[in-house]
Amino acid sequence: MPTEAATPGQTSGVIHDLGYRRYDGPRLDRRRIVAALAWHSLRSAFGFGRGAKAKVVPVIAFLVLCLPAVVNAFAMSRGNARVVDYDTYAPVLRNLIMIVFVAVQAPELVSRDLRSRVLPLYFSRPIKTGDYPLAKYLGFTAALLVMLEVPLLLLYAGSIANVHGGSAVWAETRALIPGLLVGLMFAMVLAAIGLVLASTTGRRAFATGAVAIFFLLTYTLAEILLGVESQGVPRGGPPGITEAGAPIVPLAEKVAGLFSPFTLFDGVRMWLGGTDPADNVADPGGFGAAYAIVLLILFGLCLYGLAARYRKARLS
């Protein structure tokens, strides 16, 4: 409607009523806002609420991760023993698929809001600066848990369907629990790393590249160091043997896994009593505690960096 007539020296203006419907319903409190943002982030990670194109990568990645469980069920139905371990679960395949998933989906959760500059709208609600990254982290961690734990549950279901006796079922259950804990470790750390790297830029393509390059470079570096050390063993003869009969792991092989989150995961897993390493995994030897410390430091730095990024974004 028109404003009052402007006095001399003042500019006149018009306030237009565009007919937007007012919201008169209940306002969510801080806790429910965080929960709603986390739920929205979980849905966004799998493309729900968007077009079919947004669901291509999550669906394909999830189906590929489930393939080893399907193959294992088929093999056990033919009378074979379980061919996939719960705590490693096809390590090379899982690592590569998770790199793709985190690199593509983490920017979807944070880069779009940064580029659109809608964060002031979020912070105009009764939430604190740390609530927004917390909600994003919780939602993305839940999405990664779905990607990592559901294939393990399928592997478990296929295994117990092909074994007989309560002791065999209990043995499968005991083997599943460490695998679920390893998946939880993967999800918590990968979510923190992916989100903090993706939040450095509002351009989704750049954010995807930053996440993918970090994971691929560190993983390749660790594998190269391990490969160089492995190639050096035949030239110097077989590794030594301890008094207990265990092979002596060279120092270079012990520290090779400190350069990548994925080899850190495996070092901590073996330190906590996991299954023997595969050919492409570094053996931490007596450095297992160092792997755990480095992983905790990396995790803490990523969470701190994510919180600091949004403190800065609120001021900008």
C-alpha atoms as a PDB file:
ATOM      1  CA  MET A   1       0.000   0.000   0.000  1.00  0.00           C
ATOM      2  CA  PRO A   2       1.249   3.585  -0.564  1.00  0.00           C
ATOM      3  CA  THR A   3       3.228   5.260   2.160  1.00  0.00           C
ATOM      4  CA  GLU A   4       2.455   8.655   3.587  1.00  0.00           C
ATOM      5  CA  ALA A   5       3.462  11.648   1.554  1.00  0.00           C
ATOM      6  CA  ALA A   6       7.155  12.348   1.854  1.00  0.00           C
ATOM      7  CA  THR A   7       8.230  15.534   3.548  1.00  0.00           C
ATOM      8  CA  PRO A   8      10.580  17.890   1.750  1.00  0.00           C
ATOM      9  CA  GLY A   9      14.127  16.508   1.644  1.00  0.00           C
ATOM     10  CA  GLN A  10      12.956  12.909   1.960  1.00  0.00           C
ATOM     11  CA  THR A  11      12.659  10.367  -0.802  1.00  0.00           C
ATOM     12  CA  SER A  12       9.283   8.746  -1.315  1.00  0.00           C
ATOM     13  CA  GLY A  13       8.727   5.014  -1.649  1.00  0.00           C
ATOM     14  CA  VAL A  14       6.063   2.388  -1.963  1.00  0.00           C
ATOM     15  CA  ILE A  15       5.599  -0.736   0.123  1.00  0.00           C
ATOM     16  CA  HIS A  16       4.109  -3.502  -2.013  1.00  0.00           C
ATOM     17  CA  ASP A  17       2.050  -6.313  -0.545  1.00  0.00           C
ATOM     18  CA  LEU A  18       3.043  -9.312  -2.708  1.00  0.00           C
ATOM     19  CA  GLY A  19       0.469 -11.548  -1.104  1.00  0.00           C
ATOM     20  CA  TYR A  20       2.835 -14.046   0.538  1.00  0.00           C
ATOM     21  CA  ARG A  21       1.117 -16.250   3.051  1.00  0.00           C
ATOM     22  CA  ARG A  22       2.208 -15.655   6.613  1.00  0.00           C
ATOM     23  CA  TYR A  23       3.301 -18.549   8.825  1.00  0.00           C
ATOM     24  CA  ASP A  24       1.339 -18.634  12.062  1.00  0.00           C
ATOM     25  CA  GLY A  25       2.265 -22.167  13.171  1.00  0.00           C
ATOM     26  CA  PRO A  26       4.581 -23.225  16.013  1.00  0.00           C
ATOM     27  CA  ARG A  27       8.233 -22.240  15.817  1.00  0.00           C
ATOM     28  CA  LEU A  28      10.813 -24.994  16.309  1.00  0.00           C
ATOM     29  CA  ASP A  29      13.275 -24.690  19.159  1.00  0.00           C
ATOM     30  CA  ARG A  30      17.022 -25.032  18.763  1.00  0.00           C
ATOM     31  CA  ARG A  31      17.149 -28.803  19.273  1.00  0.00           C
ATOM     32  CA  ARG A  32      14.436 -29.484  16.736  1.00  0.00           C
ATOM     33  CA  ILE A  33      16.015 -27.136  14.209  1.00  0.00           C
ATOM     34  CA  VAL A  34      19.282 -29.083  14.444  1.00  0.00           C
ATOM     35  CA  ALA A  35      17.392 -32.358  14.069  1.00  0.00           C
ATOM     36  CA  ALA A  36      15.499 -31.020  11.031  1.00  0.00           C
ATOM     37  CA  LEU A  37      18.739 -29.834   9.407  1.00  0.00           C
ATOM     38  CA  ALA A  38      20.410 -33.188  10.096  1.00  0.00           C
ATOM     39  CA  TRP A  39      17.458 -35.077   8.586  1.00  0.00           C
ATOM     40  CA  HIS A  40      17.479 -32.790   5.543  1.00  0.00           C
ATOM     41  CA  SER A  41      21.235 -33.376   5.148  1.00  0.00           C
ATOM     42  CA  LEU A  42      20.759 -37.142   5.318  1.00  0.00           C
ATOM     43  CA  ARG A  43      18.105 -36.986   2.608  1.00  0.00           C
ATOM     44  CA  SER A  44      20.228 -34.654   0.474  1.00  0.00           C
ATOM     45  CA  ALA A  45      23.185 -37.054   0.642  1.00  0.00           C
ATOM     46  CA  PHE A  46      21.074 -39.635  -1.199  1.00  0.00           C
ATOM     47  CA  GLY A  47      19.390 -37.181  -3.562  1.00  0.00           C
ATOM     48  CA  PHE A  48      15.927 -37.289  -1.987  1.00  0.00           C
ATOM     49  CA  GLY A  49      13.916 -34.177  -2.693  1.00  0.00           C
ATOM     50  CA  ARG A  50      15.802 -33.575  -5.933  1.00  0.00           C
ATOM     51  CA  GLY A  51      15.671 -34.937  -9.454  1.00  0.00           C
ATOM     52  CA  ALA A  52      16.621 -38.414 -10.624  1.00  0.00           C
ATOM     53  CA  LYS A  53      20.048 -37.196 -11.741  1.00  0.00           C
ATOM     54  CA  ALA A  54      21.001 -36.416  -8.149  1.00  0.00           C
ATOM     55  CA  LYS A  55      20.329 -40.028  -7.133  1.00  0.00           C
ATOM     56  CA  VAL A  56      22.602 -41.671  -9.706  1.00  0.00           C
ATOM     57  CA  VAL A  57      25.871 -41.598  -7.751  1.00  0.00           C
ATOM     58  CA  PRO A  58      24.397 -42.604  -4.359  1.00  0.00           C
ATOM     59  CA  VAL A  59      22.375 -45.479  -5.805  1.00  0.00           C
ATOM     60  CA  ILE A  60      25.222 -46.868  -7.915  1.00  0.00           C
ATOM     61  CA  ALA A  61      27.715 -46.527  -5.064  1.00  0.00           C
ATOM     62  CA  PHE A  62      25.378 -48.298  -2.649  1.00  0.00           C
ATOM     63  CA  LEU A  63      24.656 -51.162  -5.050  1.00  0.00           C
ATOM     64  CA  VAL A  64      28.353 -51.679  -5.801  1.00  0.00           C
ATOM     65  CA  LEU A  65      29.144 -51.802  -2.084  1.00  0.00           C
ATOM     66  CA  CYS A  66      26.484 -54.477  -1.637  1.00  0.00           C
ATOM     67  CA  LEU A  67      27.937 -56.705  -4.362  1.00  0.00           C
ATOM     68  CA  PRO A  68      30.527 -58.478  -2.141  1.00  0.00           C
ATOM     69  CA  ALA A  69      27.734 -59.451   0.276  1.00  0.00           C
ATOM     70  CA  VAL A  70      25.701 -60.898  -2.594  1.00  0.00           C
ATOM     71  CA  VAL A  71      28.724 -62.797  -3.947  1.00  0.00           C
ATOM     72  CA  ASN A  72      29.453 -64.153  -0.483  1.00  0.00           C
ATOM     73  CA  ALA A  73      25.884 -65.391  -0.055  1.00  0.00           C
ATOM     74  CA  PHE A  74      26.070 -67.146  -3.424  1.00  0.00           C
ATOM     75  CA  ALA A  75      29.419 -68.744  -2.563  1.00  0.00           C
ATOM     76  CA  MET A  76      28.210 -69.967   0.827  1.00  0.00           C
ATOM     77  CA  SER A  77      25.071 -71.438  -0.752  1.00  0.00           C
ATOM     78  CA  ARG A  78      27.439 -73.622  -2.800  1.00  0.00           C
ATOM     79  CA  GLY A  79      29.033 -74.965   0.369  1.00  0.00           C
ATOM     80  CA  ASN A  80      32.019 -72.633   0.576  1.00  0.00           C
ATOM     81  CA  ALA A  81      33.191 -70.806   3.688  1.00  0.00           C
ATOM     82  CA  ARG A  82      32.575 -67.077   4.073  1.00  0.00           C
ATOM     83  CA  VAL A  83      34.780 -65.307   1.520  1.00  0.00           C
ATOM     84  CA  VAL A  84      34.409 -61.721   2.794  1.00  0.00           C
ATOM     85  CA  ASP A  85      35.532 -60.524   6.217  1.00  0.00           C
ATOM     86  CA  TYR A  86      33.340 -58.164   8.184  1.00  0.00           C
ATOM     87  CA  ASP A  87      36.076 -55.807   9.366  1.00  0.00           C
ATOM     88  CA  THR A  88      37.830 -55.439   6.000  1.00  0.00           C
ATOM     89  CA  TYR A  89      34.951 -56.028   3.544  1.00  0.00           C
ATOM     90  CA  ALA A  90      36.713 -55.835   0.174  1.00  0.00           C
ATOM     91  CA  PRO A  91      39.043 -53.011   1.290  1.00  0.00           C
ATOM     92  CA  VAL A  92      40.098 -51.662  -2.126  1.00  0.00           C
ATOM     93  CA  LEU A  93      36.547 -51.570  -3.469  1.00  0.00           C
ATOM     94  CA  ARG A  94      35.164 -49.989  -0.303  1.00  0.00           C
ATOM     95  CA  ASN A  95      37.872 -47.330  -0.178  1.00  0.00           C
ATOM     96  CA  LEU A  96      37.396 -46.293  -3.810  1.00  0.00           C
ATOM     97  CA  ILE A  97      33.601 -46.204  -3.582  1.00  0.00           C
ATOM     98  CA  MET A  98      33.710 -44.138  -0.402  1.00  0.00           C
ATOM     99  CA  ILE A  99      36.121 -41.665  -1.994  1.00  0.00           C
ATOM    100  CA  VAL A 100      33.668 -41.150  -4.852  1.00  0.00           C
ATOM    101  CA  PHE A 101      30.643 -40.892  -2.558  1.00  0.00           C
ATOM    102  CA  VAL A 102      32.232 -38.418  -0.133  1.00  0.00           C
ATOM    103  CA  ALA A 103      33.740 -36.309  -2.924  1.00  0.00           C
ATOM    104  CA  VAL A 104      30.413 -35.992  -4.746  1.00  0.00           C
ATOM    105  CA  GLN A 105      27.954 -35.743  -1.855  1.00  0.00           C
ATOM    106  CA  ALA A 106      29.830 -33.664   0.751  1.00  0.00           C
ATOM    107  CA  PRO A 107      29.782 -30.541  -1.470  1.00  0.00           C
ATOM    108  CA  GLU A 108      26.061 -31.049  -1.974  1.00  0.00           C
ATOM    109  CA  LEU A 109      25.521 -30.571   1.748  1.00  0.00           C
ATOM    110  CA  VAL A 110      27.623 -27.439   2.312  1.00  0.00           C
ATOM    111  CA  SER A 111      28.833 -25.795  -0.886  1.00  0.00           C
ATOM    112  CA  ARG A 112      25.386 -24.895  -2.202  1.00  0.00           C
ATOM    113  CA  ASP A 113      24.455 -22.897   0.916  1.00  0.00           C
ATOM    114  CA  LEU A 114      27.799 -21.106   0.914  1.00  0.00           C
ATOM    115  CA  ARG A 115      27.500 -20.121  -2.727  1.00  0.00           C
ATOM    116  CA  SER A 116      23.867 -19.030  -2.398  1.00  0.00           C
ATOM    117  CA  ARG A 117      24.699 -17.005   0.735  1.00  0.00           C
ATOM    118  CA  VAL A 118      21.685 -18.307   2.624  1.00  0.00           C
ATOM    119  CA  LEU A 119      23.535 -18.886   5.899  1.00  0.00           C
ATOM    120  CA  PRO A 120      22.223 -15.599   7.385  1.00  0.00           C
ATOM    121  CA  LEU A 121      18.724 -17.033   6.965  1.00  0.00           C
ATOM    122  CA  TYR A 122      19.676 -20.106   8.980  1.00  0.00           C
ATOM    123  CA  PHE A 123      21.381 -18.045  11.657  1.00  0.00           C
ATOM    124  CA  SER A 124      18.385 -15.737  11.959  1.00  0.00           C
ATOM    125  CA  ARG A 125      16.630 -18.642  13.675  1.00  0.00           C
ATOM    126  CA  PRO A 126      17.319 -19.487  17.353  1.00  0.00           C
ATOM    127  CA  ILE A 127      20.421 -21.592  16.651  1.00  0.00           C
ATOM    128  CA  LYS A 128      24.049 -20.978  17.460  1.00  0.00           C
ATOM    129  CA  THR A 129      26.873 -20.829  14.944  1.00  0.00           C
ATOM    130  CA  GLY A 130      28.054 -24.335  15.774  1.00  0.00           C
ATOM    131  CA  ASP A 131      24.608 -25.873  15.368  1.00  0.00           C
ATOM    132  CA  TYR A 132      24.637 -25.638  11.568  1.00  0.00           C
ATOM    133  CA  PRO A 133      27.919 -27.567  10.997  1.00  0.00           C
ATOM    134  CA  LEU A 134      26.898 -29.992  13.751  1.00  0.00           C
ATOM    135  CA  ALA A 135      23.653 -30.777  11.929  1.00  0.00           C
ATOM    136  CA  LYS A 136      25.477 -31.197   8.629  1.00  0.00           C
ATOM    137  CA  TYR A 137      28.030 -33.476  10.266  1.00  0.00           C
ATOM    138  CA  LEU A 138      25.398 -35.626  11.960  1.00  0.00           C
ATOM    139  CA  GLY A 139      23.401 -35.959   8.749  1.00  0.00           C
ATOM    140  CA  PHE A 140      26.413 -36.856   6.624  1.00  0.00           C
ATOM    141  CA  THR A 141      27.735 -39.297   9.220  1.00  0.00           C
ATOM    142  CA  ALA A 142      24.354 -41.034   9.198  1.00  0.00           C
ATOM    143  CA  ALA A 143      24.485 -41.229   5.389  1.00  0.00           C
ATOM    144  CA  LEU A 144      27.945 -42.805   5.505  1.00  0.00           C
ATOM    145  CA  LEU A 145      26.747 -45.270   8.136  1.00  0.00           C
ATOM    146  CA  VAL A 146      24.013 -46.376   5.744  1.00  0.00           C
ATOM    147  CA  MET A 147      26.588 -46.851   2.989  1.00  0.00           C
ATOM    148  CA  LEU A 148      28.981 -48.794   5.205  1.00  0.00           C
ATOM    149  CA  GLU A 149      26.809 -50.743   7.636  1.00  0.00           C
ATOM    150  CA  VAL A 150      23.931 -51.930   5.445  1.00  0.00           C
ATOM    151  CA  PRO A 151      26.282 -54.031   3.237  1.00  0.00           C
ATOM    152  CA  LEU A 152      27.701 -55.593   6.422  1.00  0.00           C
ATOM    153  CA  LEU A 153      24.202 -56.442   7.615  1.00  0.00           C
ATOM    154  CA  LEU A 154      23.461 -57.998   4.227  1.00  0.00           C
ATOM    155  CA  LEU A 155      26.700 -59.980   4.511  1.00  0.00           C
ATOM    156  CA  TYR A 156      25.624 -61.138   7.964  1.00  0.00           C
ATOM    157  CA  ALA A 157      22.142 -62.100   6.797  1.00  0.00           C
ATOM    158  CA  GLY A 158      23.538 -64.073   3.863  1.00  0.00           C
ATOM    159  CA  SER A 159      26.057 -65.805   6.117  1.00  0.00           C
ATOM    160  CA  ILE A 160      23.688 -66.936   8.863  1.00  0.00           C
ATOM    161  CA  ALA A 161      21.216 -68.121   6.241  1.00  0.00           C
ATOM    162  CA  ASN A 162      23.808 -70.623   5.076  1.00  0.00           C
ATOM    163  CA  VAL A 163      25.153 -71.872   8.422  1.00  0.00           C
ATOM    164  CA  HIS A 164      23.594 -74.316  10.834  1.00  0.00           C
ATOM    165  CA  GLY A 165      23.655 -74.429  14.589  1.00  0.00           C
ATOM    166  CA  GLY A 166      23.582 -71.809  17.301  1.00  0.00           C
ATOM    167  CA  SER A 167      27.375 -71.795  17.701  1.00  0.00           C
ATOM    168  CA  ALA A 168      27.876 -70.941  14.023  1.00  0.00           C
ATOM    169  CA  VAL A 169      25.354 -68.105  14.217  1.00  0.00           C
ATOM    170  CA  TRP A 170      27.021 -66.781  17.366  1.00  0.00           C
ATOM    171  CA  ALA A 171      30.427 -66.916  15.651  1.00  0.00           C
ATOM    172  CA  GLU A 172      29.059 -64.828  12.786  1.00  0.00           C
ATOM    173  CA  THR A 173      27.536 -62.363  15.259  1.00  0.00           C
ATOM    174  CA  ARG A 174      30.830 -61.994  17.122  1.00  0.00           C
ATOM    175  CA  ALA A 175      32.615 -61.323  13.825  1.00  0.00           C
ATOM    176  CA  LEU A 176      29.986 -58.766  12.772  1.00  0.00           C
ATOM    177  CA  ILE A 177      30.338 -56.482  15.811  1.00  0.00           C
ATOM    178  CA  PRO A 178      33.966 -55.408  15.109  1.00  0.00           C
ATOM    179  CA  GLY A 179      33.001 -54.824  11.488  1.00  0.00           C
ATOM    180  CA  LEU A 180      30.197 -52.486  12.552  1.00  0.00           C
ATOM    181  CA  LEU A 181      32.607 -50.604  14.820  1.00  0.00           C
ATOM    182  CA  VAL A 182      35.079 -50.233  11.955  1.00  0.00           C
ATOM    183  CA  GLY A 183      32.253 -48.853   9.817  1.00  0.00           C
ATOM    184  CA  LEU A 184      31.420 -46.341  12.551  1.00  0.00           C
ATOM    185  CA  MET A 185      35.055 -45.215  12.625  1.00  0.00           C
ATOM    186  CA  PHE A 186      35.033 -44.824   8.840  1.00  0.00           C
ATOM    187  CA  ALA A 187      31.822 -42.807   8.881  1.00  0.00           C
ATOM    188  CA  MET A 188      32.798 -40.408  11.662  1.00  0.00           C
ATOM    189  CA  VAL A 189      36.202 -39.530  10.249  1.00  0.00           C
ATOM    190  CA  LEU A 190      35.297 -39.461   6.545  1.00  0.00           C
ATOM    191  CA  ALA A 191      32.337 -37.174   7.251  1.00  0.00           C
ATOM    192  CA  ALA A 192      34.546 -34.710   9.117  1.00  0.00           C
ATOM    193  CA  ILE A 193      37.237 -34.689   6.425  1.00  0.00           C
ATOM    194  CA  GLY A 194      34.797 -34.448   3.531  1.00  0.00           C
ATOM    195  CA  LEU A 195      32.760 -31.600   5.028  1.00  0.00           C
ATOM    196  CA  VAL A 196      35.698 -29.464   6.107  1.00  0.00           C
ATOM    197  CA  LEU A 197      37.301 -29.726   2.666  1.00  0.00           C
ATOM    198  CA  ALA A 198      34.017 -29.112   0.852  1.00  0.00           C
ATOM    199  CA  SER A 199      33.257 -26.058   2.997  1.00  0.00           C
ATOM    200  CA  THR A 200      36.386 -24.253   1.810  1.00  0.00           C
ATOM    201  CA  THR A 201      34.620 -23.114  -1.366  1.00  0.00           C
ATOM    202  CA  GLY A 202      31.114 -22.413  -2.541  1.00  0.00           C
ATOM    203  CA  ARG A 203      31.809 -23.862  -5.983  1.00  0.00           C
ATOM    204  CA  ARG A 204      30.703 -27.465  -6.015  1.00  0.00           C
ATOM    205  CA  ALA A 205      33.120 -28.581  -8.743  1.00  0.00           C
ATOM    206  CA  PHE A 206      36.094 -27.149  -6.855  1.00  0.00           C
ATOM    207  CA  ALA A 207      34.897 -28.701  -3.604  1.00  0.00           C
ATOM    208  CA  THR A 208      34.510 -32.117  -5.249  1.00  0.00           C
ATOM    209  CA  GLY A 209      38.006 -31.821  -6.696  1.00  0.00           C
ATOM    210  CA  ALA A 210      39.502 -30.825  -3.351  1.00  0.00           C
ATOM    211  CA  VAL A 211      37.976 -33.813  -1.547  1.00  0.00           C
ATOM    212  CA  ALA A 212      38.848 -36.305  -4.279  1.00  0.00           C
ATOM    213  CA  ILE A 213      42.414 -35.039  -4.679  1.00  0.00           C
ATOM    214  CA  PHE A 214      43.077 -35.197  -0.943  1.00  0.00           C
ATOM    215  CA  PHE A 215      41.872 -38.768  -0.579  1.00  0.00           C
ATOM    216  CA  LEU A 216      43.433 -40.060  -3.794  1.00  0.00           C
ATOM    217  CA  LEU A 217      46.812 -38.397  -3.261  1.00  0.00           C
ATOM    218  CA  THR A 218      47.196 -39.523   0.335  1.00  0.00           C
ATOM    219  CA  TYR A 219      45.965 -43.030  -0.431  1.00  0.00           C
ATOM    220  CA  THR A 220      48.280 -43.314  -3.450  1.00  0.00           C
ATOM    221  CA  LEU A 221      51.230 -41.988  -1.439  1.00  0.00           C
ATOM    222  CA  ALA A 222      50.698 -44.592   1.270  1.00  0.00           C
ATOM    223  CA  GLU A 223      50.390 -47.372  -1.315  1.00  0.00           C
ATOM    224  CA  ILE A 224      53.537 -46.236  -3.137  1.00  0.00           C
ATOM    225  CA  LEU A 225      55.559 -46.215   0.082  1.00  0.00           C
ATOM    226  CA  LEU A 226      54.242 -49.657   0.952  1.00  0.00           C
ATOM    227  CA  GLY A 227      54.952 -50.938  -2.554  1.00  0.00           C
ATOM    228  CA  VAL A 228      58.519 -49.627  -2.538  1.00  0.00           C
ATOM    229  CA  GLU A 229      59.176 -51.285   0.785  1.00  0.00           C
ATOM    230  CA  SER A 230      57.614 -54.556  -0.375  1.00  0.00           C
ATOM    231  CA  GLN A 231      59.751 -54.579  -3.514  1.00  0.00           C
ATOM    232  CA  GLY A 232      62.838 -54.125  -1.401  1.00  0.00           C
ATOM    233  CA  VAL A 233      62.268 -57.267   0.632  1.00  0.00           C
ATOM    234  CA  PRO A 234      63.342 -59.845  -1.996  1.00  0.00           C
ATOM    235  CA  ARG A 235      66.557 -57.954  -2.739  1.00  0.00           C
ATOM    236  CA  GLY A 236      67.551 -58.010   0.918  1.00  0.00           C
ATOM    237  CA  GLY A 237      66.254 -61.471   1.610  1.00  0.00           C
ATOM    238  CA  PRO A 238      63.224 -62.561   3.638  1.00  0.00           C
ATOM    239  CA  PRO A 239      62.211 -60.499   6.670  1.00  0.00           C
ATOM    240  CA  GLY A 240      63.567 -61.478  10.041  1.00  0.00           C
ATOM    241  CA  ILE A 241      61.692 -63.567  12.562  1.00  0.00           C
ATOM    242  CA  THR A 242      61.134 -62.701  16.192  1.00  0.00           C
ATOM    243  CA  GLU A 243      61.653 -65.177  19.027  1.00  0.00           C
ATOM    244  CA  ALA A 244      57.900 -65.800  19.029  1.00  0.00           C
ATOM    245  CA  GLY A 245      58.042 -66.782  15.372  1.00  0.00           C
ATOM    246  CA  ALA A 246      56.349 -63.626  14.000  1.00  0.00           C
ATOM    247  CA  PRO A 247      57.889 -61.762  11.045  1.00  0.00           C
ATOM    248  CA  ILE A 248      59.732 -58.527  11.770  1.00  0.00           C
ATOM    249  CA  VAL A 249      57.928 -55.701   9.970  1.00  0.00           C
ATOM    250  CA  PRO A 250      60.300 -53.072   8.509  1.00  0.00           C
ATOM    251  CA  LEU A 251      60.012 -49.564   9.955  1.00  0.00           C
ATOM    252  CA  ALA A 252      59.130 -48.051   6.556  1.00  0.00           C
ATOM    253  CA  GLU A 253      56.175 -50.397   6.246  1.00  0.00           C
ATOM    254  CA  LYS A 254      54.992 -49.524   9.749  1.00  0.00           C
ATOM    255  CA  VAL A 255      54.890 -45.777   9.067  1.00  0.00           C
ATOM    256  CA  ALA A 256      53.662 -45.983   5.447  1.00  0.00           C
ATOM    257  CA  GLY A 257      50.066 -46.075   6.597  1.00  0.00           C
ATOM    258  CA  LEU A 258      50.298 -42.791   8.516  1.00  0.00           C
ATOM    259  CA  PHE A 259      49.825 -40.752   5.345  1.00  0.00           C
ATOM    260  CA  SER A 260      46.259 -41.701   4.422  1.00  0.00           C
ATOM    261  CA  PRO A 261      42.979 -41.857   6.370  1.00  0.00           C
ATOM    262  CA  PHE A 262      42.198 -45.271   4.872  1.00  0.00           C
ATOM    263  CA  THR A 263      45.488 -46.840   5.934  1.00  0.00           C
ATOM    264  CA  LEU A 264      45.101 -45.168   9.312  1.00  0.00           C
ATOM    265  CA  PHE A 265      41.752 -46.912   9.635  1.00  0.00           C
ATOM    266  CA  ASP A 266      43.327 -50.243   8.867  1.00  0.00           C
ATOM    267  CA  GLY A 267      46.233 -49.660  11.229  1.00  0.00           C
ATOM    268  CA  VAL A 268      43.857 -48.907  14.091  1.00  0.00           C
ATOM    269  CA  ARG A 269      41.725 -51.909  13.121  1.00  0.00           C
ATOM    270  CA  MET A 270      44.674 -54.292  13.310  1.00  0.00           C
ATOM    271  CA  TRP A 271      45.929 -52.663  16.507  1.00  0.00           C
ATOM    272  CA  LEU A 272      42.552 -53.436  18.090  1.00  0.00           C
ATOM    273  CA  GLY A 273      42.781 -57.086  17.048  1.00  0.00           C
ATOM    274  CA  GLY A 274      41.321 -57.139  13.536  1.00  0.00           C
ATOM    275  CA  THR A 275      42.028 -59.730  10.870  1.00  0.00           C
ATOM    276  CA  ASP A 276      45.394 -59.942   9.140  1.00  0.00           C
ATOM    277  CA  PRO A 277      46.136 -57.201   6.596  1.00  0.00           C
ATOM    278  CA  ALA A 278      45.657 -57.690   2.877  1.00  0.00           C
ATOM    279  CA  ASP A 279      48.529 -57.340   0.431  1.00  0.00           C
ATOM    280  CA  ASN A 280      47.852 -53.650  -0.171  1.00  0.00           C
ATOM    281  CA  VAL A 281      47.568 -52.658   3.508  1.00  0.00           C
ATOM    282  CA  ALA A 282      50.414 -51.528   5.717  1.00  0.00           C
ATOM    283  CA  ASP A 283      51.079 -53.525   8.856  1.00  0.00           C
ATOM    284  CA  PRO A 284      51.431 -51.095  11.788  1.00  0.00           C
ATOM    285  CA  GLY A 285      53.388 -53.567  13.877  1.00  0.00           C
ATOM    286  CA  GLY A 286      54.091 -51.916  17.235  1.00  0.00           C
ATOM    287  CA  PHE A 287      52.968 -48.535  15.860  1.00  0.00           C
ATOM    288  CA  GLY A 288      49.268 -49.234  16.323  1.00  0.00           C
ATOM    289  CA  ALA A 289      48.925 -46.659  19.097  1.00  0.00           C
ATOM    290  CA  ALA A 290      50.588 -44.069  16.859  1.00  0.00           C
ATOM    291  CA  TYR A 291      48.009 -44.791  14.160  1.00  0.00           C
ATOM    292  CA  ALA A 292      45.213 -44.212  16.667  1.00  0.00           C
ATOM    293  CA  ILE A 293      46.746 -40.951  17.911  1.00  0.00           C
ATOM    294  CA  VAL A 294      47.258 -39.596  14.398  1.00  0.00           C
ATOM    295  CA  LEU A 295      43.699 -40.536  13.456  1.00  0.00           C
ATOM    296  CA  LEU A 296      42.292 -38.791  16.548  1.00  0.00           C
ATOM    297  CA  ILE A 297      44.360 -35.670  15.819  1.00  0.00           C
ATOM    298  CA  LEU A 298      43.154 -35.623  12.204  1.00  0.00           C
ATOM    299  CA  PHE A 299      39.553 -36.077  13.340  1.00  0.00           C
ATOM    300  CA  GLY A 300      39.817 -33.309  15.920  1.00  0.00           C
ATOM    301  CA  LEU A 301      41.447 -30.879  13.505  1.00  0.00           C
ATOM    302  CA  CYS A 302      38.723 -31.476  10.919  1.00  0.00           C
ATOM    303  CA  LEU A 303      35.936 -30.854  13.419  1.00  0.00           C
ATOM    304  CA  TYR A 304      37.668 -27.715  14.671  1.00  0.00           C
ATOM    305  CA  GLY A 305      38.226 -26.511  11.106  1.00  0.00           C
ATOM    306  CA  LEU A 306      34.578 -27.107  10.232  1.00  0.00           C
ATOM    307  CA  ALA A 307      33.378 -25.113  13.250  1.00  0.00           C
ATOM    308  CA  ALA A 308      35.866 -22.318  12.528  1.00  0.00           C
ATOM    309  CA  ARG A 309      34.769 -22.151   8.895  1.00  0.00           C
ATOM    310  CA  TYR A 310      31.191 -21.418   9.876  1.00  0.00           C
ATOM    311  CA  ARG A 311      32.151 -18.927  12.541  1.00  0.00           C
ATOM    312  CA  LYS A 312      33.875 -17.026   9.757  1.00  0.00           C
ATOM    313  CA  ALA A 313      30.957 -17.559   7.368  1.00  0.00           C
ATOM    314  CA  ARG A 314      28.528 -16.064   9.860  1.00  0.00           C
ATOM    315  CA  LEU A 315      30.567 -12.876  10.056  1.00  0.00           C
ATOM    316  CA  SER A 316      30.926 -12.520   6.290  1.00  0.00           C
END
